[in-house]
């Protein structure tokens, strides 16, 4: 059994794969029920043939930023048109890091709506556009954050019966250096964490853009990062991660997609 398959069985409904970290031309999804391929720029989009092959026996989805050329349902949608029929979509606004200035300026709401009309079974990424995503309908695909439990409970209490999926980085370790090396960069890009790091840098007199986010982080910045990891990731010993997974499911999360931040073969469960 592959490391990816073993990870996907460790309490998760699916596994997230990043083309910058995993060679999708060599990966096997045998035994994996569900997988999501993250968008990390047009040059990283796998070929249609490879995606179709990976989707044999696996519910495979690809994140497609509706503002990006190639996936814009109101403009250039050539890459979207090439997606194989057996590959699902997660329509998202798109991480600004992978978008040009022109792409970032495009309106999100009409594009999410148009993408959902074309792909009614698509999941909808909620990051930064929660109300728009809810209006677009479909499975709501959320990134884990400190408020996720409260927000999911509120949605269920308000009568929302749609499917909710949550994406969560995962590291099975208590070692602070391991956690920072695997997750420091990820959490540092979240808005609230970036603001806290800027404040910590101002206090120490260091330049904010030079603040270390890995195991070499020190002082206030290290504390900010470790605290953020607790809220934005599932990290710690297996029993701690299992408890948090149970909490998410009890709150009303239907699908939990784990991103093995140390690589699928280093889950250590």
Protein backbone atom coordinates (compact mmCIF):
# COMPACT_ATOMS: atom_id res chain seq x y z
CA UNK A 1 0.00 0.00 0.00
CA UNK A 2 1.35 3.42 -0.93
CA UNK A 3 2.08 6.09 1.64
CA UNK A 4 -0.71 8.19 0.14
CA UNK A 5 -3.21 5.36 0.54
CA UNK A 6 -2.10 4.75 4.11
CA UNK A 7 -2.42 8.45 4.93
CA UNK A 8 -5.89 8.63 3.41
CA UNK A 9 -6.97 5.84 5.75
CA UNK A 10 -5.68 7.60 8.89
CA UNK A 11 -9.02 9.19 9.73
CA UNK A 12 -9.35 11.25 6.55
CA UNK A 13 -11.80 11.05 3.67
CA UNK A 14 -9.28 12.23 1.12
CA UNK A 15 -5.77 13.50 0.54
CA UNK A 16 -4.59 16.78 -1.00
CA UNK A 17 -1.70 16.60 -3.45
CA UNK A 18 0.53 19.52 -4.39
CA UNK A 19 2.26 19.22 -7.79
CA UNK A 20 5.21 21.23 -6.45
CA UNK A 21 5.80 18.54 -3.81
CA UNK A 22 4.57 15.31 -5.39
CA UNK A 23 5.48 14.05 -8.87
CA UNK A 24 2.03 13.22 -10.18
CA UNK A 25 3.55 11.36 -13.12
CA UNK A 26 4.92 8.82 -10.66
CA UNK A 27 2.31 8.79 -7.93
CA UNK A 28 -0.14 5.93 -7.41
CA UNK A 29 -3.64 6.45 -6.06
CA UNK A 30 -4.42 2.76 -5.69
CA UNK A 31 -6.50 2.35 -2.55
CA UNK A 32 -7.24 6.09 -2.31
CA UNK A 33 -10.96 6.86 -2.30
CA UNK A 34 -10.69 10.63 -2.82
CA UNK A 35 -7.93 13.07 -3.79
CA UNK A 36 -7.69 16.80 -4.52
CA UNK A 37 -4.95 18.23 -6.73
CA UNK A 38 -4.08 21.79 -5.72
CA UNK A 39 -3.64 24.52 -8.32
CA UNK A 40 -0.14 25.98 -8.09
CA UNK A 41 0.09 27.88 -11.34
CA UNK A 42 -0.70 27.00 -14.95
CA UNK A 43 2.70 25.45 -15.51
CA UNK A 44 1.93 22.94 -12.75
CA UNK A 45 -1.43 21.72 -14.08
CA UNK A 46 -1.07 18.00 -14.89
CA UNK A 47 -1.89 16.79 -18.37
CA UNK A 48 -5.44 15.72 -19.12
CA UNK A 49 -4.21 12.22 -19.85
CA UNK A 50 -2.50 11.93 -16.46
CA UNK A 51 -5.52 13.30 -14.60
CA UNK A 52 -7.82 10.83 -16.37
CA UNK A 53 -5.49 8.00 -15.42
CA UNK A 54 -5.31 9.08 -11.77
CA UNK A 55 -9.10 9.28 -11.63
CA UNK A 56 -9.48 5.61 -12.45
CA UNK A 57 -10.90 4.20 -9.20
CA UNK A 58 -10.48 7.50 -7.30
CA UNK A 59 -12.80 10.46 -6.84
CA UNK A 60 -10.29 13.00 -8.14
CA UNK A 61 -10.86 16.75 -8.09
CA UNK A 62 -8.73 19.65 -9.27
CA UNK A 63 -8.83 23.17 -7.82
CA UNK A 64 -9.65 25.60 -10.62
CA UNK A 65 -9.31 29.35 -9.91
CA UNK A 66 -12.11 31.12 -11.75
CA UNK A 67 -10.10 34.34 -12.16
CA UNK A 68 -7.14 32.59 -13.83
CA UNK A 69 -6.66 32.49 -17.61
CA UNK A 70 -7.53 28.99 -18.71
CA UNK A 71 -10.19 28.50 -16.03
CA UNK A 72 -12.18 31.72 -16.42
CA UNK A 73 -15.79 30.75 -17.29
CA UNK A 74 -16.39 34.29 -18.57
CA UNK A 75 -13.22 34.42 -20.65
CA UNK A 76 -10.33 32.08 -21.42
CA UNK A 77 -11.45 28.63 -20.26
CA UNK A 78 -9.23 26.43 -22.41
CA UNK A 79 -7.69 24.52 -19.51
CA UNK A 80 -11.08 23.89 -17.93
CA UNK A 81 -12.39 22.55 -21.23
CA UNK A 82 -9.56 20.01 -21.31
CA UNK A 83 -10.36 18.49 -17.94
CA UNK A 84 -11.39 14.85 -18.41
CA UNK A 85 -15.05 14.01 -17.74
CA UNK A 86 -14.08 11.68 -14.87
CA UNK A 87 -12.26 14.50 -13.00
CA UNK A 88 -14.25 16.77 -10.69
CA UNK A 89 -13.61 20.39 -9.90
CA UNK A 90 -13.17 22.61 -6.88
CA UNK A 91 -13.96 26.12 -8.07
CA UNK A 92 -12.05 28.73 -6.09
CA UNK A 93 -11.38 32.45 -6.29
CA UNK A 94 -7.68 31.67 -6.57
CA UNK A 95 -4.64 32.32 -4.44
CA UNK A 96 -3.24 35.75 -5.42
CA UNK A 97 0.25 34.25 -5.38
CA UNK A 98 -0.60 32.33 -8.54
CA UNK A 99 -2.50 35.11 -10.30
CA UNK A 100 -1.35 38.08 -12.35
CA UNK A 101 -2.42 41.60 -11.42
CA UNK A 102 -5.00 41.52 -14.20
CA UNK A 103 -6.39 38.19 -13.00
CA UNK A 104 -6.60 39.40 -9.41
CA UNK A 105 -8.74 42.35 -10.54
CA UNK A 106 -11.50 40.15 -12.01
CA UNK A 107 -14.87 39.92 -10.28
CA UNK A 108 -15.29 36.69 -8.35
CA UNK A 109 -19.04 36.33 -7.78
CA UNK A 110 -20.22 36.09 -11.41
CA UNK A 111 -17.41 33.70 -12.23
CA UNK A 112 -18.18 31.37 -9.34
CA UNK A 113 -21.80 31.34 -10.43
CA UNK A 114 -20.94 30.65 -14.07
CA UNK A 115 -18.51 27.88 -13.11
CA UNK A 116 -21.16 26.20 -10.96
CA UNK A 117 -23.65 26.37 -13.84
CA UNK A 118 -21.18 24.56 -16.07
CA UNK A 119 -20.14 22.07 -13.39
CA UNK A 120 -23.08 21.53 -11.01
CA UNK A 121 -21.17 18.89 -9.09
CA UNK A 122 -18.22 21.17 -8.35
CA UNK A 123 -17.17 21.95 -4.80
CA UNK A 124 -16.86 25.66 -3.99
CA UNK A 125 -13.85 27.02 -2.13
CA UNK A 126 -14.87 29.47 0.56
CA UNK A 127 -11.55 31.12 1.44
CA UNK A 128 -12.16 34.86 1.61
CA UNK A 129 -15.53 34.62 -0.19
CA UNK A 130 -17.66 32.69 2.31
CA UNK A 131 -20.98 34.43 1.59
CA UNK A 132 -20.48 34.28 -2.17
CA UNK A 133 -19.56 30.60 -1.97
CA UNK A 134 -22.65 29.84 0.10
CA UNK A 135 -24.81 31.64 -2.46
CA UNK A 136 -23.18 29.67 -5.29
CA UNK A 137 -24.26 26.44 -3.61
CA UNK A 138 -22.67 23.02 -3.81
CA UNK A 139 -20.28 21.43 -1.37
CA UNK A 140 -18.64 24.17 0.68
CA UNK A 141 -14.86 23.55 0.76
CA UNK A 142 -13.27 25.37 3.67
CA UNK A 143 -9.70 25.73 4.88
CA UNK A 144 -9.29 24.77 8.53
CA UNK A 145 -8.94 27.79 10.77
CA UNK A 146 -9.44 28.56 14.47
CA UNK A 147 -13.09 29.48 13.89
CA UNK A 148 -14.05 26.46 11.78
CA UNK A 149 -15.78 24.52 14.57
CA UNK A 150 -17.88 27.51 15.59
CA UNK A 151 -18.80 28.41 12.02
CA UNK A 152 -19.77 24.88 11.01
CA UNK A 153 -21.91 24.50 14.13
CA UNK A 154 -23.59 27.82 13.32
CA UNK A 155 -24.34 26.75 9.76
CA UNK A 156 -25.88 23.50 10.96
CA UNK A 157 -27.86 25.27 13.68
CA UNK A 158 -29.22 27.66 11.05
CA UNK A 159 -30.50 24.71 9.06
CA UNK A 160 -27.82 24.39 6.37
CA UNK A 161 -28.09 20.83 5.06
CA UNK A 162 -25.55 20.98 2.26
CA UNK A 163 -22.26 19.13 2.30
CA UNK A 164 -19.31 20.73 4.08
CA UNK A 165 -15.74 19.69 3.30
CA UNK A 166 -12.68 20.91 5.20
CA UNK A 167 -9.08 21.02 4.01
CA UNK A 168 -6.52 20.62 6.79
CA UNK A 169 -2.71 20.40 6.77
CA UNK A 170 -1.63 17.46 8.92
CA UNK A 171 1.57 16.67 10.82
CA UNK A 172 1.79 13.86 13.34
CA UNK A 173 4.50 15.23 15.62
CA UNK A 174 5.00 17.14 18.87
CA UNK A 175 8.48 18.37 17.92
CA UNK A 176 8.34 22.16 17.54
CA UNK A 177 11.11 22.22 14.94
CA UNK A 178 9.36 19.57 12.86
CA UNK A 179 6.09 21.49 13.05
CA UNK A 180 7.72 24.77 12.04
CA UNK A 181 9.62 23.23 9.14
CA UNK A 182 6.46 21.58 7.83
CA UNK A 183 3.83 24.22 8.60
CA UNK A 184 5.50 27.54 9.43
CA UNK A 185 5.46 28.78 5.86
CA UNK A 186 1.85 27.71 5.38
CA UNK A 187 0.44 29.45 8.45
CA UNK A 188 2.57 32.57 7.91
CA UNK A 189 0.60 33.27 4.73
CA UNK A 190 -2.73 33.47 6.55
CA UNK A 191 -3.80 37.07 6.97
CA UNK A 192 -4.14 37.19 10.75
CA UNK A 193 -0.84 35.37 11.23
CA UNK A 194 1.00 37.64 8.81
CA UNK A 195 -0.27 40.66 10.75
CA UNK A 196 0.92 39.16 14.04
CA UNK A 197 4.32 38.41 12.54
CA UNK A 198 4.58 42.00 11.31
CA UNK A 199 3.78 43.22 14.82
CA UNK A 200 6.36 40.87 16.31
CA UNK A 201 8.96 42.09 13.82
CA UNK A 202 8.19 45.72 14.66
CA UNK A 203 8.64 44.97 18.35
CA UNK A 204 11.98 43.25 17.82
CA UNK A 205 13.22 45.74 15.26
CA UNK A 206 13.59 43.04 12.62
CA UNK A 207 12.37 43.38 9.05
CA UNK A 208 9.01 41.67 8.64
CA UNK A 209 9.85 40.23 5.22
CA UNK A 210 12.97 38.64 6.66
CA UNK A 211 11.27 36.85 9.55
CA UNK A 212 12.10 33.15 9.64
CA UNK A 213 9.07 30.85 9.54
CA UNK A 214 10.83 27.50 9.86
CA UNK A 215 12.65 25.81 12.74
CA UNK A 216 15.11 28.71 12.89
CA UNK A 217 12.36 31.11 14.03
CA UNK A 218 12.96 32.60 17.46
CA UNK A 219 11.36 34.81 20.07
CA UNK A 220 7.91 36.28 19.55
CA UNK A 221 7.74 35.16 15.92
CA UNK A 222 8.29 31.55 16.93
CA UNK A 223 5.49 31.79 19.48
CA UNK A 224 3.13 33.33 16.92
CA UNK A 225 3.83 30.56 14.42
CA UNK A 226 3.43 27.72 16.91
CA UNK A 227 0.17 29.19 18.17
CA UNK A 228 -1.09 29.55 14.60
CA UNK A 229 -0.23 25.94 13.81
CA UNK A 230 -2.59 24.86 16.59
CA UNK A 231 -5.49 26.67 14.91
CA UNK A 232 -4.80 26.32 11.20
CA UNK A 233 -3.57 22.72 11.09
CA UNK A 234 -4.12 19.31 12.61
CA UNK A 235 -0.84 18.78 14.39
CA UNK A 236 0.48 16.83 17.35
CA UNK A 237 0.52 13.22 18.47
CA UNK A 238 -1.93 10.87 16.72
CA UNK A 239 -4.38 10.85 19.62
CA UNK A 240 -4.57 14.67 19.60
CA UNK A 241 -5.20 14.76 15.85
CA UNK A 242 -7.82 12.02 16.21
CA UNK A 243 -9.64 14.04 18.87
CA UNK A 244 -9.75 17.12 16.66
CA UNK A 245 -10.97 15.05 13.72
CA UNK A 246 -13.78 13.71 15.91
CA UNK A 247 -14.69 17.27 16.95
CA UNK A 248 -14.91 18.40 13.34
CA UNK A 249 -17.15 15.51 12.40
CA UNK A 250 -19.36 16.04 15.44
CA UNK A 251 -19.74 19.71 14.47
CA UNK A 252 -21.08 18.73 11.06
CA UNK A 253 -18.11 18.34 8.71
CA UNK A 254 -18.95 15.71 6.09
CA UNK A 255 -15.64 15.39 4.25
CA UNK A 256 -12.17 15.91 5.72
CA UNK A 257 -9.35 16.29 3.21
CA UNK A 258 -5.90 16.08 4.75
CA UNK A 259 -2.77 17.65 3.30
CA UNK A 260 0.25 15.65 4.53
CA UNK A 261 2.57 18.60 5.08
CA UNK A 262 5.64 16.42 5.61
CA UNK A 263 4.85 14.28 2.60
CA UNK A 264 2.48 11.30 2.38
CA UNK A 265 5.17 8.82 3.40
CA UNK A 266 6.08 10.68 6.62
CA UNK A 267 2.71 10.68 8.34
CA UNK A 268 3.99 8.57 11.24
CA UNK A 269 0.56 7.36 12.36
